[in-house]
Amino acid sequence: MVGLRGAQAQLWAARKARVVSFSPGKEAFTMQEATPTQKLHLVMGGRVKDPRGHEFVDPEGIHTVGVYSSYDAAVEAWRAQAQRTVDDAEMKYVVVHIHKLLTPDE
């Protein structure tokens, strides 16, 4: 029987590139090859009611900068927009992790 620490180590090692299922009481993991999930990031912004919050004044008028497949590219686009509007405290741009919305269990 695989100990709990050994099972956790095996799970972490296999998690990045495979879909893993583990049933308590069984000796081994069942692994199936899977394609890595795509991680999408949305950069958007607009005028907010309070600079400390995320409630937009005009949700229909939100400026969509773009969707990016890497976090680094999304941050670069966010930084460019945020620096462009740095003098306006009510303008806020954010990076939204779309992949976390699409697969909340991961």
Protein backbone atom coordinates (compact mmCIF):
# COMPACT_ATOMS: atom_id res chain seq x y z
CA MET A 1 0.00 0.00 0.00
CA VAL A 2 1.23 3.48 -0.86
CA GLY A 3 1.60 5.80 2.15
CA LEU A 4 -0.14 9.17 2.22
CA ARG A 5 3.09 11.15 1.74
CA GLY A 6 4.16 8.88 -1.11
CA ALA A 7 0.73 9.23 -2.73
CA GLN A 8 0.88 13.02 -2.48
CA ALA A 9 4.37 13.07 -4.00
CA GLN A 10 3.25 10.83 -6.87
CA LEU A 11 0.21 12.99 -7.46
CA TRP A 12 2.24 16.21 -7.61
CA ALA A 13 4.80 14.64 -9.92
CA ALA A 14 2.14 13.40 -12.33
CA ARG A 15 -0.23 16.37 -12.18
CA LYS A 16 1.49 18.76 -14.59
CA ALA A 17 1.37 16.62 -17.73
CA ARG A 18 -1.30 14.04 -17.03
CA VAL A 19 -4.86 13.59 -15.91
CA VAL A 20 -4.65 11.59 -12.72
CA SER A 21 -7.29 9.69 -10.82
CA PHE A 22 -6.70 8.16 -7.42
CA SER A 23 -9.07 6.00 -5.45
CA PRO A 24 -8.42 5.53 -1.73
CA GLY A 25 -7.51 1.95 -0.92
CA LYS A 26 -6.09 1.21 -4.36
CA GLU A 27 -2.39 0.56 -4.88
CA ALA A 28 -1.77 2.75 -7.94
CA PHE A 29 -2.83 5.80 -9.82
CA THR A 30 -4.61 5.66 -13.15
CA MET A 31 -2.90 8.05 -15.57
CA GLN A 32 -4.01 9.20 -18.98
CA GLU A 33 -2.01 11.47 -21.22
CA ALA A 34 -3.68 14.81 -21.82
CA THR A 35 -2.75 17.95 -23.65
CA PRO A 36 -1.63 20.80 -21.40
CA THR A 37 -4.44 23.23 -20.71
CA GLN A 38 -4.27 26.58 -22.40
CA LYS A 39 -4.06 29.49 -19.99
CA LEU A 40 -5.89 32.53 -21.31
CA HIS A 41 -5.71 36.01 -19.78
CA LEU A 42 -7.99 38.96 -20.54
CA VAL A 43 -6.77 42.54 -20.12
CA MET A 44 -9.56 45.07 -19.70
CA GLY A 45 -10.23 48.36 -18.01
CA GLY A 46 -12.33 51.43 -17.62
CA ARG A 47 -13.55 54.05 -15.21
CA VAL A 48 -14.34 52.72 -11.73
CA LYS A 49 -16.65 54.19 -9.06
CA ASP A 50 -14.02 53.82 -6.34
CA PRO A 51 -10.27 53.46 -7.12
CA ARG A 52 -9.99 50.87 -4.33
CA GLY A 53 -12.62 48.60 -5.93
CA HIS A 54 -13.51 46.90 -9.19
CA GLU A 55 -17.02 48.25 -9.82
CA PHE A 56 -17.02 49.91 -13.24
CA VAL A 57 -19.10 53.02 -13.93
CA ASP A 58 -20.12 51.81 -17.40
CA PRO A 59 -19.73 48.00 -17.71
CA GLU A 60 -20.91 48.08 -21.34
CA GLY A 61 -18.17 50.59 -22.16
CA ILE A 62 -15.27 48.60 -20.72
CA HIS A 63 -12.16 48.84 -22.89
CA THR A 64 -11.05 45.33 -23.88
CA VAL A 65 -7.33 45.44 -24.57
CA GLY A 66 -7.07 41.80 -25.63
CA VAL A 67 -6.79 38.12 -24.76
CA TYR A 68 -3.32 36.67 -24.25
CA SER A 69 -2.07 33.10 -24.00
CA SER A 70 0.71 33.93 -21.55
CA TYR A 71 0.56 35.81 -18.28
CA ASP A 72 3.74 37.74 -19.14
CA ALA A 73 2.21 39.09 -22.36
CA ALA A 74 -0.97 40.03 -20.48
CA VAL A 75 1.00 41.89 -17.81
CA GLU A 76 2.94 43.74 -20.49
CA ALA A 77 -0.32 44.88 -22.14
CA TRP A 78 -1.83 45.76 -18.74
CA ARG A 79 1.26 47.79 -17.78
CA ALA A 80 1.16 49.74 -21.05
CA GLN A 81 -2.51 50.68 -20.55
CA ALA A 82 -2.13 51.40 -16.83
CA GLN A 83 0.86 53.69 -17.43
CA ARG A 84 -1.01 55.48 -20.21
CA THR A 85 -3.77 56.42 -17.73
CA VAL A 86 -1.58 56.84 -14.61
CA ASP A 87 -2.79 60.42 -14.01
CA ASP A 88 -6.46 59.41 -13.88
CA ALA A 89 -7.12 57.70 -10.51
CA GLU A 90 -10.56 56.50 -11.63
CA MET A 91 -9.23 54.53 -14.60
CA LYS A 92 -8.29 50.96 -13.77
CA TYR A 93 -6.99 48.10 -15.91
CA VAL A 94 -6.95 44.49 -14.73
CA VAL A 95 -5.74 41.06 -15.83
CA VAL A 96 -8.49 38.43 -15.63
CA HIS A 97 -7.41 34.77 -15.53
CA ILE A 98 -9.96 33.34 -17.96
CA HIS A 99 -8.52 29.84 -17.59
CA LYS A 100 -9.48 29.89 -13.89
CA LEU A 101 -13.05 30.77 -14.80
CA LEU A 102 -13.24 28.01 -17.41
CA THR A 103 -11.74 25.31 -15.18
CA PRO A 104 -12.27 26.39 -11.55
CA ASP A 105 -11.22 22.97 -10.16
CA GLU A 106 -7.58 23.40 -11.27
